[in-house]
């Protein structure tokens, strides 16, 4: 198995205290509302390169998803598993 980093566009709310709260995921011209942020923690995915991101576990249409925000690069991404036929 192989994993890839998938860039995302995120609509987020930035608070005066510096916190970030993702509100919507924009992927392939579709918008997905984030129903709830279940957890936010500093955690690096071990399967793709990243610079000290914050991992957000979010609820989208009843499913838990992990999205990541890298403050150093100001970018959002997710991780996708690729199954290779060998």
PDB file of N, CA and C in Angstrom:
ATOM      1  N   UNK A   1       0.832  -1.186   0.000  1.00  0.00           N
ATOM      2  CA  UNK A   1       0.000   0.000   0.000  1.00  0.00           C
ATOM      3  C   UNK A   1       0.873   1.245   0.000  1.00  0.00           C
ATOM      4  N   UNK A   2       0.336   2.260  -0.590  1.00  0.00           N
ATOM      5  CA  UNK A   2       1.028   3.538  -0.657  1.00  0.00           C
ATOM      6  C   UNK A   2       0.051   4.629  -0.249  1.00  0.00           C
ATOM      7  N   UNK A   3       0.583   5.714   0.279  1.00  0.00           N
ATOM      8  CA  UNK A   3      -0.247   6.830   0.715  1.00  0.00           C
ATOM      9  C   UNK A   3       0.215   8.099   0.010  1.00  0.00           C
ATOM     10  N   UNK A   4      -0.742   8.949  -0.288  1.00  0.00           N
ATOM     11  CA  UNK A   4      -0.407  10.236  -0.901  1.00  0.00           C
ATOM     12  C   UNK A   4      -1.043  11.365  -0.090  1.00  0.00           C
ATOM     13  N   UNK A   5      -0.434  12.501  -0.193  1.00  0.00           N
ATOM     14  CA  UNK A   5      -0.938  13.722   0.433  1.00  0.00           C
ATOM     15  C   UNK A   5      -1.856  14.409  -0.571  1.00  0.00           C
ATOM     16  N   UNK A   6      -3.085  14.695  -0.160  1.00  0.00           N
ATOM     17  CA  UNK A   6      -4.083  15.305  -1.041  1.00  0.00           C
ATOM     18  C   UNK A   6      -4.333  16.736  -0.570  1.00  0.00           C
ATOM     19  N   UNK A   7      -3.958  17.744  -1.372  1.00  0.00           N
ATOM     20  CA  UNK A   7      -4.205  19.136  -0.982  1.00  0.00           C
ATOM     21  C   UNK A   7      -5.715  19.418  -0.924  1.00  0.00           C
ATOM     22  N   UNK A   8      -6.124  20.214   0.050  1.00  0.00           N
ATOM     23  CA  UNK A   8      -7.533  20.577   0.216  1.00  0.00           C
ATOM     24  C   UNK A   8      -7.681  22.085   0.315  1.00  0.00           C
ATOM     25  N   UNK A   9      -8.834  22.555  -0.109  1.00  0.00           N
ATOM     26  CA  UNK A   9      -9.235  23.932   0.184  1.00  0.00           C
ATOM     27  C   UNK A   9     -10.220  23.836   1.339  1.00  0.00           C
ATOM     28  N   UNK A  10     -10.002  24.657   2.353  1.00  0.00           N
ATOM     29  CA  UNK A  10     -10.844  24.636   3.546  1.00  0.00           C
ATOM     30  C   UNK A  10     -11.353  26.038   3.826  1.00  0.00           C
ATOM     31  N   UNK A  11     -12.641  26.140   4.108  1.00  0.00           N
ATOM     32  CA  UNK A  11     -13.187  27.385   4.626  1.00  0.00           C
ATOM     33  C   UNK A  11     -13.101  27.269   6.141  1.00  0.00           C
ATOM     34  N   UNK A  12     -12.398  28.215   6.771  1.00  0.00           N
ATOM     35  CA  UNK A  12     -12.148  28.121   8.209  1.00  0.00           C
ATOM     36  C   UNK A  12     -12.418  29.448   8.894  1.00  0.00           C
ATOM     37  N   UNK A  13     -12.646  29.353  10.188  1.00  0.00           N
ATOM     38  CA  UNK A  13     -12.838  30.536  11.025  1.00  0.00           C
ATOM     39  C   UNK A  13     -11.579  30.713  11.870  1.00  0.00           C
ATOM     40  N   UNK A  14     -10.995  31.890  11.786  1.00  0.00           N
ATOM     41  CA  UNK A  14      -9.813  32.222  12.577  1.00  0.00           C
ATOM     42  C   UNK A  14     -10.246  33.144  13.702  1.00  0.00           C
ATOM     43  N   UNK A  15      -9.969  32.751  14.941  1.00  0.00           N
ATOM     44  CA  UNK A  15     -10.382  33.532  16.109  1.00  0.00           C
ATOM     45  C   UNK A  15      -9.301  34.525  16.518  1.00  0.00           C
ATOM     46  N   UNK A  16      -9.680  35.487  17.324  1.00  0.00           N
ATOM     47  CA  UNK A  16      -8.716  36.491  17.780  1.00  0.00           C
ATOM     48  C   UNK A  16      -7.643  35.880  18.682  1.00  0.00           C
ATOM     49  N   UNK A  17      -7.913  34.726  19.281  1.00  0.00           N
ATOM     50  CA  UNK A  17      -6.905  34.064  20.120  1.00  0.00           C
ATOM     51  C   UNK A  17      -5.923  33.217  19.300  1.00  0.00           C
ATOM     52  N   UNK A  18      -6.089  33.218  17.972  1.00  0.00           N
ATOM     53  CA  UNK A  18      -5.176  32.485  17.103  1.00  0.00           C
ATOM     54  C   UNK A  18      -5.623  31.079  16.760  1.00  0.00           C
ATOM     55  N   UNK A  19      -6.743  30.639  17.302  1.00  0.00           N
ATOM     56  CA  UNK A  19      -7.216  29.290  16.991  1.00  0.00           C
ATOM     57  C   UNK A  19      -7.890  29.262  15.620  1.00  0.00           C
ATOM     58  N   UNK A  20      -7.880  28.076  15.023  1.00  0.00           N
ATOM     59  CA  UNK A  20      -8.451  27.868  13.689  1.00  0.00           C
ATOM     60  C   UNK A  20      -9.511  26.787  13.813  1.00  0.00           C
ATOM     61  N   UNK A  21     -10.664  27.027  13.208  1.00  0.00           N
ATOM     62  CA  UNK A  21     -11.750  26.048  13.224  1.00  0.00           C
ATOM     63  C   UNK A  21     -12.235  25.831  11.794  1.00  0.00           C
ATOM     64  N   UNK A  22     -11.977  24.642  11.225  1.00  0.00           N
ATOM     65  CA  UNK A  22     -12.446  24.376   9.860  1.00  0.00           C
ATOM     66  C   UNK A  22     -13.967  24.280   9.818  1.00  0.00           C
ATOM     67  N   UNK A  23     -14.570  24.843   8.773  1.00  0.00           N
ATOM     68  CA  UNK A  23     -16.024  24.862   8.643  1.00  0.00           C
ATOM     69  C   UNK A  23     -16.521  24.059   7.441  1.00  0.00           C
ATOM     70  N   UNK A  24     -15.799  24.135   6.315  1.00  0.00           N
ATOM     71  CA  UNK A  24     -16.196  23.425   5.095  1.00  0.00           C
ATOM     72  C   UNK A  24     -14.957  22.923   4.371  1.00  0.00           C
ATOM     73  N   UNK A  25     -15.113  21.754   3.742  1.00  0.00           N
ATOM     74  CA  UNK A  25     -14.067  21.200   2.890  1.00  0.00           C
ATOM     75  C   UNK A  25     -14.504  21.426   1.454  1.00  0.00           C
ATOM     76  N   UNK A  26     -13.616  21.975   0.640  1.00  0.00           N
ATOM     77  CA  UNK A  26     -13.890  22.171  -0.780  1.00  0.00           C
ATOM     78  C   UNK A  26     -12.964  21.223  -1.536  1.00  0.00           C
ATOM     79  N   UNK A  27     -13.577  20.252  -2.240  1.00  0.00           N
ATOM     80  CA  UNK A  27     -12.796  19.248  -2.952  1.00  0.00           C
ATOM     81  C   UNK A  27     -13.473  18.951  -4.280  1.00  0.00           C
ATOM     82  N   UNK A  28     -12.704  19.074  -5.356  1.00  0.00           N
ATOM     83  CA  UNK A  28     -13.219  18.842  -6.711  1.00  0.00           C
ATOM     84  C   UNK A  28     -14.513  19.619  -6.963  1.00  0.00           C
ATOM     85  N   UNK A  29     -14.479  20.904  -6.625  1.00  0.00           N
ATOM     86  CA  UNK A  29     -15.564  21.847  -6.860  1.00  0.00           C
ATOM     87  C   UNK A  29     -16.839  21.545  -6.062  1.00  0.00           C
ATOM     88  N   UNK A  30     -16.755  20.663  -5.071  1.00  0.00           N
ATOM     89  CA  UNK A  30     -17.893  20.380  -4.199  1.00  0.00           C
ATOM     90  C   UNK A  30     -17.552  20.866  -2.792  1.00  0.00           C
ATOM     91  N   UNK A  31     -18.569  21.344  -2.079  1.00  0.00           N
ATOM     92  CA  UNK A  31     -18.388  21.779  -0.699  1.00  0.00           C
ATOM     93  C   UNK A  31     -19.052  20.778   0.237  1.00  0.00           C
ATOM     94  N   UNK A  32     -18.310  20.430   1.284  1.00  0.00           N
ATOM     95  CA  UNK A  32     -18.809  19.511   2.296  1.00  0.00           C
ATOM     96  C   UNK A  32     -18.763  20.217   3.642  1.00  0.00           C
ATOM     97  N   UNK A  33     -19.927  20.354   4.276  1.00  0.00           N
ATOM     98  CA  UNK A  33     -20.005  21.034   5.569  1.00  0.00           C
ATOM     99  C   UNK A  33     -19.421  20.136   6.651  1.00  0.00           C
ATOM    100  N   UNK A  34     -18.581  20.718   7.484  1.00  0.00           N
ATOM    101  CA  UNK A  34     -18.050  20.008   8.641  1.00  0.00           C
ATOM    102  C   UNK A  34     -19.078  20.166   9.754  1.00  0.00           C
ATOM    103  N   UNK A  35     -19.713  19.055  10.112  1.00  0.00           N
ATOM    104  CA  UNK A  35     -20.773  19.095  11.113  1.00  0.00           C
ATOM    105  C   UNK A  35     -20.228  19.368  12.509  1.00  0.00           C
ATOM    106  N   UNK A  36     -19.043  18.801  12.791  1.00  0.00           N
ATOM    107  CA  UNK A  36     -18.487  18.944  14.124  1.00  0.00           C
ATOM    108  C   UNK A  36     -16.989  18.656  14.100  1.00  0.00           C
ATOM    109  N   UNK A  37     -16.227  19.418  14.874  1.00  0.00           N
ATOM    110  CA  UNK A  37     -14.816  19.106  15.095  1.00  0.00           C
ATOM    111  C   UNK A  37     -14.765  18.249  16.359  1.00  0.00           C
ATOM    112  N   UNK A  38     -14.345  17.002  16.199  1.00  0.00           N
ATOM    113  CA  UNK A  38     -14.307  16.071  17.323  1.00  0.00           C
ATOM    114  C   UNK A  38     -13.030  16.209  18.143  1.00  0.00           C
ATOM    115  N   UNK A  39     -11.923  16.535  17.452  1.00  0.00           N
ATOM    116  CA  UNK A  39     -10.635  16.620  18.152  1.00  0.00           C
ATOM    117  C   UNK A  39      -9.673  17.446  17.295  1.00  0.00           C
ATOM    118  N   UNK A  40      -8.826  18.197  17.966  1.00  0.00           N
ATOM    119  CA  UNK A  40      -7.735  18.926  17.302  1.00  0.00           C
ATOM    120  C   UNK A  40      -6.491  18.703  18.142  1.00  0.00           C
ATOM    121  N   UNK A  41      -5.444  18.202  17.506  1.00  0.00           N
ATOM    122  CA  UNK A  41      -4.193  17.941  18.223  1.00  0.00           C
ATOM    123  C   UNK A  41      -3.027  18.020  17.258  1.00  0.00           C
ATOM    124  N   UNK A  42      -1.868  18.332  17.805  1.00  0.00           N
ATOM    125  CA  UNK A  42      -0.667  18.371  16.988  1.00  0.00           C
ATOM    126  C   UNK A  42      -0.229  16.929  16.771  1.00  0.00           C
ATOM    127  N   UNK A  43      -0.332  16.482  15.523  1.00  0.00           N
ATOM    128  CA  UNK A  43       0.006  15.103  15.195  1.00  0.00           C
ATOM    129  C   UNK A  43       0.401  15.017  13.733  1.00  0.00           C
ATOM    130  N   UNK A  44       1.512  14.379  13.490  1.00  0.00           N
ATOM    131  CA  UNK A  44       2.028  14.239  12.137  1.00  0.00           C
ATOM    132  C   UNK A  44       1.664  12.858  11.589  1.00  0.00           C
ATOM    133  N   UNK A  45       1.050  12.802  10.407  1.00  0.00           N
ATOM    134  CA  UNK A  45       0.794  11.486   9.826  1.00  0.00           C
ATOM    135  C   UNK A  45       2.132  10.825   9.487  1.00  0.00           C
ATOM    136  N   UNK A  46       2.269   9.570   9.802  1.00  0.00           N
ATOM    137  CA  UNK A  46       3.549   8.884   9.618  1.00  0.00           C
ATOM    138  C   UNK A  46       3.784   8.420   8.181  1.00  0.00           C
ATOM    139  N   UNK A  47       2.766   8.489   7.342  1.00  0.00           N
ATOM    140  CA  UNK A  47       2.868   7.903   6.002  1.00  0.00           C
ATOM    141  C   UNK A  47       3.122   8.916   4.886  1.00  0.00           C
ATOM    142  N   UNK A  48       3.056  10.207   5.186  1.00  0.00           N
ATOM    143  CA  UNK A  48       3.355  11.246   4.192  1.00  0.00           C
ATOM    144  C   UNK A  48       4.181  12.335   4.861  1.00  0.00           C
ATOM    145  N   UNK A  49       4.986  13.067   4.083  1.00  0.00           N
ATOM    146  CA  UNK A  49       5.766  14.150   4.681  1.00  0.00           C
ATOM    147  C   UNK A  49       4.867  15.315   5.120  1.00  0.00           C
ATOM    148  N   UNK A  50       5.214  15.892   6.267  1.00  0.00           N
ATOM    149  CA  UNK A  50       4.465  17.037   6.788  1.00  0.00           C
ATOM    150  C   UNK A  50       5.340  17.783   7.783  1.00  0.00           C
ATOM    151  N   UNK A  51       5.038  19.078   7.978  1.00  0.00           N
ATOM    152  CA  UNK A  51       5.796  19.926   8.904  1.00  0.00           C
ATOM    153  C   UNK A  51       4.904  20.274  10.087  1.00  0.00           C
ATOM    154  N   UNK A  52       4.988  19.491  11.155  1.00  0.00           N
ATOM    155  CA  UNK A  52       4.289  19.734  12.424  1.00  0.00           C
ATOM    156  C   UNK A  52       2.843  20.209  12.250  1.00  0.00           C
ATOM    157  N   UNK A  53       2.000  19.421  11.588  1.00  0.00           N
ATOM    158  CA  UNK A  53       0.622  19.866  11.363  1.00  0.00           C
ATOM    159  C   UNK A  53      -0.273  19.663  12.584  1.00  0.00           C
ATOM    160  N   UNK A  54      -1.426  20.314  12.534  1.00  0.00           N
ATOM    161  CA  UNK A  54      -2.489  20.060  13.491  1.00  0.00           C
ATOM    162  C   UNK A  54      -3.452  19.105  12.793  1.00  0.00           C
ATOM    163  N   UNK A  55      -3.744  17.992  13.450  1.00  0.00           N
ATOM    164  CA  UNK A  55      -4.697  17.024  12.910  1.00  0.00           C
ATOM    165  C   UNK A  55      -6.072  17.338  13.478  1.00  0.00           C
ATOM    166  N   UNK A  56      -7.024  17.531  12.588  1.00  0.00           N
ATOM    167  CA  UNK A  56      -8.413  17.738  12.985  1.00  0.00           C
ATOM    168  C   UNK A  56      -9.191  16.475  12.642  1.00  0.00           C
ATOM    169  N   UNK A  57      -9.834  15.890  13.634  1.00  0.00           N
ATOM    170  CA  UNK A  57     -10.773  14.805  13.382  1.00  0.00           C
ATOM    171  C   UNK A  57     -12.133  15.464  13.328  1.00  0.00           C
ATOM    172  N   UNK A  58     -12.772  15.357  12.166  1.00  0.00           N
ATOM    173  CA  UNK A  58     -14.030  16.063  11.936  1.00  0.00           C
ATOM    174  C   UNK A  58     -15.119  15.082  11.525  1.00  0.00           C
ATOM    175  N   UNK A  59     -16.352  15.503  11.710  1.00  0.00           N
ATOM    176  CA  UNK A  59     -17.506  14.727  11.293  1.00  0.00           C
ATOM    177  C   UNK A  59     -18.096  15.390  10.057  1.00  0.00           C
ATOM    178  N   UNK A  60     -18.127  14.644   8.943  1.00  0.00           N
ATOM    179  CA  UNK A  60     -18.657  15.138   7.672  1.00  0.00           C
ATOM    180  C   UNK A  60     -19.671  14.109   7.167  1.00  0.00           C
ATOM    181  N   UNK A  61     -20.913  14.523   7.061  1.00  0.00           N
ATOM    182  CA  UNK A  61     -21.989  13.640   6.603  1.00  0.00           C
ATOM    183  C   UNK A  61     -21.991  12.316   7.364  1.00  0.00           C
ATOM    184  N   UNK A  62     -21.806  12.390   8.680  1.00  0.00           N
ATOM    185  CA  UNK A  62     -21.851  11.211   9.529  1.00  0.00           C
ATOM    186  C   UNK A  62     -20.598  10.361   9.565  1.00  0.00           C
ATOM    187  N   UNK A  63     -19.551  10.773   8.832  1.00  0.00           N
ATOM    188  CA  UNK A  63     -18.307  10.001   8.796  1.00  0.00           C
ATOM    189  C   UNK A  63     -17.166  10.799   9.402  1.00  0.00           C
ATOM    190  N   UNK A  64     -16.327  10.100  10.181  1.00  0.00           N
ATOM    191  CA  UNK A  64     -15.135  10.731  10.731  1.00  0.00           C
ATOM    192  C   UNK A  64     -14.064  10.825   9.652  1.00  0.00           C
ATOM    193  N   UNK A  65     -13.433  11.987   9.569  1.00  0.00           N
ATOM    194  CA  UNK A  65     -12.347  12.228   8.618  1.00  0.00           C
ATOM    195  C   UNK A  65     -11.215  12.925   9.347  1.00  0.00           C
ATOM    196  N   UNK A  66      -9.996  12.721   8.880  1.00  0.00           N
ATOM    197  CA  UNK A  66      -8.847  13.450   9.403  1.00  0.00           C
ATOM    198  C   UNK A  66      -8.381  14.428   8.324  1.00  0.00           C
ATOM    199  N   UNK A  67      -8.256  15.685   8.729  1.00  0.00           N
ATOM    200  CA  UNK A  67      -7.661  16.701   7.865  1.00  0.00           C
ATOM    201  C   UNK A  67      -6.538  17.359   8.659  1.00  0.00           C
ATOM    202  N   UNK A  68      -5.576  17.914   7.951  1.00  0.00           N
ATOM    203  CA  UNK A  68      -4.380  18.463   8.591  1.00  0.00           C
ATOM    204  C   UNK A  68      -4.151  19.894   8.132  1.00  0.00           C
ATOM    205  N   UNK A  69      -3.659  20.718   9.067  1.00  0.00           N
ATOM    206  CA  UNK A  69      -3.292  22.099   8.755  1.00  0.00           C
ATOM    207  C   UNK A  69      -1.844  22.324   9.153  1.00  0.00           C
ATOM    208  N   UNK A  70      -1.023  22.703   8.166  1.00  0.00           N
ATOM    209  CA  UNK A  70       0.373  23.060   8.418  1.00  0.00           C
ATOM    210  C   UNK A  70       0.480  24.567   8.515  1.00  0.00           C
ATOM    211  N   UNK A  71       0.777  25.065   9.693  1.00  0.00           N
ATOM    212  CA  UNK A  71       0.918  26.518   9.867  1.00  0.00           C
ATOM    213  C   UNK A  71       2.135  27.043   9.098  1.00  0.00           C
ATOM    214  N   UNK A  72       3.215  26.253   9.065  1.00  0.00           N
ATOM    215  CA  UNK A  72       4.436  26.711   8.391  1.00  0.00           C
ATOM    216  C   UNK A  72       4.229  26.973   6.902  1.00  0.00           C
ATOM    217  N   UNK A  73       3.402  26.155   6.255  1.00  0.00           N
ATOM    218  CA  UNK A  73       3.162  26.322   4.817  1.00  0.00           C
ATOM    219  C   UNK A  73       1.780  26.905   4.527  1.00  0.00           C
ATOM    220  N   UNK A  74       0.990  27.108   5.602  1.00  0.00           N
ATOM    221  CA  UNK A  74      -0.371  27.641   5.470  1.00  0.00           C
ATOM    222  C   UNK A  74      -1.214  26.780   4.527  1.00  0.00           C
ATOM    223  N   UNK A  75      -1.082  25.458   4.659  1.00  0.00           N
ATOM    224  CA  UNK A  75      -1.796  24.571   3.745  1.00  0.00           C
ATOM    225  C   UNK A  75      -2.570  23.490   4.499  1.00  0.00           C
ATOM    226  N   UNK A  76      -3.650  23.066   3.870  1.00  0.00           N
ATOM    227  CA  UNK A  76      -4.510  21.999   4.375  1.00  0.00           C
ATOM    228  C   UNK A  76      -4.332  20.783   3.482  1.00  0.00           C
ATOM    229  N   UNK A  77      -4.440  19.582   4.089  1.00  0.00           N
ATOM    230  CA  UNK A  77      -4.353  18.358   3.295  1.00  0.00           C
ATOM    231  C   UNK A  77      -5.016  17.201   4.034  1.00  0.00           C
ATOM    232  N   UNK A  78      -5.246  16.142   3.280  1.00  0.00           N
ATOM    233  CA  UNK A  78      -5.675  14.871   3.864  1.00  0.00           C
ATOM    234  C   UNK A  78      -4.730  13.797   3.342  1.00  0.00           C
ATOM    235  N   UNK A  79      -4.908  12.597   3.816  1.00  0.00           N
ATOM    236  CA  UNK A  79      -4.069  11.477   3.392  1.00  0.00           C
ATOM    237  C   UNK A  79      -4.965  10.430   2.744  1.00  0.00           C
ATOM    238  N   UNK A  80      -4.559   9.963   1.570  1.00  0.00           N
ATOM    239  CA  UNK A  80      -5.337   8.971   0.838  1.00  0.00           C
ATOM    240  C   UNK A  80      -4.506   7.716   0.641  1.00  0.00           C
ATOM    241  N   UNK A  81      -5.139   6.571   0.880  1.00  0.00           N
ATOM    242  CA  UNK A  81      -4.472   5.293   0.689  1.00  0.00           C
ATOM    243  C   UNK A  81      -4.651   4.861  -0.771  1.00  0.00           C
ATOM    244  N   UNK A  82      -3.552   4.477  -1.399  1.00  0.00           N
ATOM    245  CA  UNK A  82      -3.577   3.994  -2.781  1.00  0.00           C
ATOM    246  C   UNK A  82      -3.244   2.506  -2.739  1.00  0.00           C
ATOM    247  N   UNK A  83      -4.074   1.704  -3.348  1.00  0.00           N
ATOM    248  CA  UNK A  83      -3.786   0.273  -3.420  1.00  0.00           C
ATOM    249  C   UNK A  83      -3.202  -0.015  -4.802  1.00  0.00           C
ATOM    250  N   UNK A  84      -1.973  -0.498  -4.797  1.00  0.00           N
ATOM    251  CA  UNK A  84      -1.281  -0.787  -6.055  1.00  0.00           C
ATOM    252  C   UNK A  84      -1.469  -2.266  -6.412  1.00  0.00           C
ATOM    253  N   UNK A  85      -1.756  -2.495  -7.660  1.00  0.00           N
ATOM    254  CA  UNK A  85      -1.809  -3.870  -8.152  1.00  0.00           C
ATOM    255  C   UNK A  85      -0.423  -4.293  -8.587  1.00  0.00           C
ATOM    256  N   UNK A  86       0.086  -5.342  -7.993  1.00  0.00           N
ATOM    257  CA  UNK A  86       1.429  -5.808  -8.375  1.00  0.00           C
ATOM    258  C   UNK A  86       1.413  -7.169  -8.973  1.00  0.00           C
TER     259      UNK A  86
END
